[in-house]
Amino acid sequence: MKRRLASISAGGLTASFLVGAGMMLFLVGCGGSAASTVNNQLPPSAEVIVTPSSATVPVGRVQQFTSTVTPSGASQAVTWTVSGTGCTGASCGAIDATGKYTAPATVPNPPTVVVTARLAADPTKASPATVSIINLPSSFFSVNPASVAFDNQTVNTTSPPSTVTLTNTGSAAEPVSARMNGFNFADFAQTNN
């Protein structure tokens, strides 16, 4: 749909400007006229999308968020903020300029915060992501490496030892025991520290 932007008439000179693709018509005194096709559509406005749109993050842990600005030719610069109804400042966590969010040390009440990316060029354009913050399980173990391989060994000789580290990053101490199993596991010795 076309809409008249301006109309000027003075001493036999008339000019009409229409918003949108169409004709620009100039009427000049003495019956002369000229026409020119124009396209004065505004470029599409930039938009920002944050991924993931939601995440669950244990206290003190990190979640990486990513912003995508369209169209691709638009400035990709965004500013990141974090807010919540049950927290302020550091008690909501922290987010850096790359979108890396670090959850707070304690769970806010309610346990949800919102991470937002705003276009630096137009702060009215923004995209939120919801973060649910949870406590760490009382026991949270990780093993490194996940497996150990031994080369062939000459009879009556011993292979060099391999170390496997078990780490508890949970909030409570737990007793740990280890055992070996599998083919010929009795041929191996185990030492726990």
Protein backbone atom coordinates (compact mmCIF):
# COMPACT_ATOMS: atom_id res chain seq x y z
CA MET A 1 0.00 0.00 0.00
CA LYS A 2 1.34 3.42 -0.95
CA ARG A 3 1.08 6.44 1.27
CA ARG A 4 1.69 10.06 0.29
CA LEU A 5 4.72 11.41 2.13
CA ALA A 6 4.67 14.97 0.77
CA SER A 7 3.05 17.15 -1.86
CA ILE A 8 4.52 20.47 -2.90
CA SER A 9 2.88 22.91 -5.27
CA ALA A 10 4.22 26.36 -6.05
CA GLY A 11 3.89 28.40 -9.21
CA GLY A 12 2.97 25.50 -11.48
CA LEU A 13 5.46 23.02 -9.90
CA THR A 14 4.01 19.91 -8.27
CA ALA A 15 5.98 17.06 -6.70
CA SER A 16 4.54 13.96 -5.06
CA PHE A 17 6.55 11.51 -3.00
CA LEU A 18 5.09 8.12 -2.17
CA VAL A 19 6.36 5.76 0.51
CA GLY A 20 7.00 2.35 -1.04
CA ALA A 21 7.95 1.23 -4.50
CA GLY A 22 6.22 3.25 -7.20
CA MET A 23 6.43 6.35 -9.34
CA MET A 24 7.71 9.82 -8.55
CA LEU A 25 5.92 12.30 -10.79
CA PHE A 26 7.08 15.85 -11.43
CA LEU A 27 4.74 18.26 -13.20
CA VAL A 28 6.41 21.42 -14.41
CA GLY A 29 4.61 24.50 -15.71
CA CYS A 30 3.84 24.76 -19.47
CA GLY A 31 2.61 21.17 -19.61
CA GLY A 32 6.01 19.49 -19.28
CA SER A 33 6.33 16.36 -17.20
CA ALA A 34 8.91 13.77 -16.21
CA ALA A 35 8.56 10.45 -14.43
CA SER A 36 11.06 8.25 -12.60
CA THR A 37 10.63 4.89 -10.88
CA VAL A 38 11.91 4.79 -7.31
CA ASN A 39 12.10 2.32 -4.44
CA ASN A 40 12.33 4.02 -1.08
CA GLN A 41 11.55 1.00 1.12
CA LEU A 42 13.26 1.08 4.49
CA PRO A 43 15.79 -1.73 5.08
CA PRO A 44 14.58 -4.53 7.38
CA SER A 45 15.18 -3.82 11.04
CA ALA A 46 17.72 -5.92 12.94
CA GLU A 47 16.60 -8.64 15.36
CA VAL A 48 18.49 -10.68 17.96
CA ILE A 49 17.91 -14.28 19.09
CA VAL A 50 19.56 -15.94 22.11
CA THR A 51 20.34 -19.65 22.21
CA PRO A 52 19.67 -21.71 24.16
CA SER A 53 16.37 -20.11 25.11
CA SER A 54 16.42 -21.89 28.48
CA ALA A 55 18.95 -23.72 30.63
CA THR A 56 19.35 -25.37 34.03
CA VAL A 57 22.59 -24.42 35.78
CA PRO A 58 23.87 -25.69 39.17
CA VAL A 59 25.13 -23.04 41.62
CA GLY A 60 28.60 -21.78 40.75
CA ARG A 61 28.57 -23.45 37.33
CA VAL A 62 28.82 -21.89 33.86
CA GLN A 63 26.46 -21.82 30.86
CA GLN A 64 27.44 -20.32 27.50
CA PHE A 65 24.76 -18.34 25.66
CA THR A 66 25.03 -17.20 22.03
CA SER A 67 23.41 -14.24 20.29
CA THR A 68 22.52 -14.24 16.58
CA VAL A 69 21.68 -10.92 14.91
CA THR A 70 19.77 -10.79 11.63
CA PRO A 71 20.11 -9.69 8.91
CA SER A 72 23.73 -10.82 8.66
CA GLY A 73 24.87 -7.37 7.50
CA ALA A 74 23.63 -5.71 10.70
CA SER A 75 25.99 -4.94 13.56
CA GLN A 76 26.42 -8.07 15.69
CA ALA A 77 27.24 -6.06 18.85
CA VAL A 78 25.03 -6.87 21.84
CA THR A 79 25.05 -6.12 25.55
CA TRP A 80 24.30 -8.89 28.05
CA THR A 81 22.40 -8.48 31.32
CA VAL A 82 21.03 -10.83 33.98
CA SER A 83 18.09 -10.12 36.29
CA GLY A 84 15.63 -11.92 38.54
CA THR A 85 12.62 -11.24 40.74
CA GLY A 86 14.24 -12.95 43.73
CA CYS A 87 17.73 -11.49 43.41
CA THR A 88 19.76 -8.40 42.61
CA GLY A 89 23.32 -7.91 41.38
CA ALA A 90 25.72 -10.76 42.05
CA SER A 91 23.02 -12.83 43.78
CA CYS A 92 21.51 -13.35 40.29
CA GLY A 93 24.85 -14.52 38.91
CA ALA A 94 27.09 -12.80 36.38
CA ILE A 95 27.37 -12.69 32.60
CA ASP A 96 30.34 -11.45 30.58
CA ALA A 97 30.55 -9.75 27.17
CA THR A 98 30.74 -13.12 25.38
CA GLY A 99 27.48 -14.44 26.88
CA LYS A 100 29.15 -16.73 29.44
CA TYR A 101 26.84 -16.91 32.46
CA THR A 102 28.08 -17.96 35.91
CA ALA A 103 25.38 -18.99 38.38
CA PRO A 104 25.46 -17.50 41.91
CA ALA A 105 26.81 -19.42 44.91
CA THR A 106 23.31 -19.88 46.36
CA VAL A 107 19.93 -20.51 44.74
CA PRO A 108 17.74 -17.36 44.64
CA ASN A 109 14.06 -17.49 45.57
CA PRO A 110 12.38 -17.97 43.13
CA PRO A 111 15.21 -19.99 41.55
CA THR A 112 14.89 -18.45 38.08
CA VAL A 113 16.77 -15.61 36.41
CA VAL A 114 16.59 -14.09 32.94
CA VAL A 115 19.63 -13.56 30.74
CA THR A 116 19.01 -10.91 28.06
CA ALA A 117 20.94 -9.86 24.95
CA ARG A 118 20.17 -6.35 23.64
CA LEU A 119 21.27 -4.86 20.35
CA ALA A 120 23.89 -2.21 21.05
CA ALA A 121 22.60 -0.19 18.08
CA ASP A 122 18.95 -0.43 19.22
CA PRO A 123 18.45 -1.43 22.89
CA THR A 124 14.70 -1.77 22.31
CA LYS A 125 15.48 -4.99 20.40
CA ALA A 126 16.22 -7.77 22.90
CA SER A 127 15.98 -11.53 23.35
CA PRO A 128 15.66 -13.28 26.75
CA ALA A 129 16.68 -16.72 27.97
CA THR A 130 15.38 -18.31 31.17
CA VAL A 131 17.85 -19.90 33.60
CA SER A 132 16.76 -22.28 36.35
CA ILE A 133 19.36 -22.42 39.13
CA ILE A 134 19.67 -25.62 41.16
CA ASN A 135 21.81 -26.85 44.04
CA LEU A 136 24.57 -29.30 43.26
CA PRO A 137 23.71 -32.89 44.09
CA SER A 138 25.20 -33.93 47.43
CA SER A 139 27.55 -36.24 45.51
CA PHE A 140 28.74 -35.37 42.05
CA PHE A 141 31.56 -37.60 40.81
CA SER A 142 33.73 -37.47 37.72
CA VAL A 143 36.42 -39.93 36.58
CA ASN A 144 39.46 -38.95 34.54
CA PRO A 145 40.37 -40.65 32.29
CA ALA A 146 37.20 -42.63 31.65
CA SER A 147 39.19 -45.72 30.63
CA VAL A 148 42.78 -47.02 30.73
CA ALA A 149 44.40 -49.30 28.15
CA PHE A 150 47.52 -51.43 28.75
CA ASP A 151 49.84 -52.66 26.01
CA ASN A 152 50.87 -56.29 25.61
CA GLN A 153 53.20 -57.31 28.40
CA THR A 154 55.98 -59.92 28.50
CA VAL A 155 55.24 -62.82 30.86
CA ASN A 156 56.50 -62.25 34.44
CA THR A 157 57.00 -58.50 33.90
CA THR A 158 54.98 -55.55 35.16
CA SER A 159 53.60 -52.70 33.08
CA PRO A 160 54.04 -49.09 34.20
CA PRO A 161 51.16 -47.95 36.44
CA SER A 162 48.30 -45.82 35.13
CA THR A 163 46.44 -43.34 37.30
CA VAL A 164 42.69 -42.79 37.33
CA THR A 165 41.42 -39.80 39.33
CA LEU A 166 37.96 -39.77 40.90
CA THR A 167 36.75 -36.29 41.88
CA ASN A 168 33.74 -35.38 44.02
CA THR A 169 32.59 -31.84 43.20
CA GLY A 170 29.35 -32.20 45.16
CA SER A 171 28.52 -30.54 48.45
CA ALA A 172 28.99 -33.59 50.72
CA ALA A 173 31.86 -35.96 51.47
CA GLU A 174 31.19 -39.54 50.40
CA PRO A 175 33.09 -42.79 50.99
CA VAL A 176 34.55 -44.25 47.80
CA SER A 177 35.59 -47.77 46.94
CA ALA A 178 37.05 -48.99 43.66
CA ARG A 179 37.20 -52.36 42.01
CA MET A 180 38.40 -53.80 38.74
CA ASN A 181 36.46 -56.12 36.52
CA GLY A 182 36.62 -57.47 33.00
CA PHE A 183 38.73 -60.05 31.22
CA ASN A 184 41.66 -61.32 33.38
CA PHE A 185 41.16 -58.51 35.90
CA ALA A 186 42.88 -60.69 38.55
CA ASP A 187 46.16 -60.17 36.67
CA PHE A 188 46.11 -56.50 37.71
CA ALA A 189 46.96 -54.89 41.04
CA GLN A 190 45.14 -51.87 42.45
CA THR A 191 46.29 -49.18 44.88
CA ASN A 192 43.93 -46.57 46.32
CA ASN A 193 45.13 -43.23 47.67
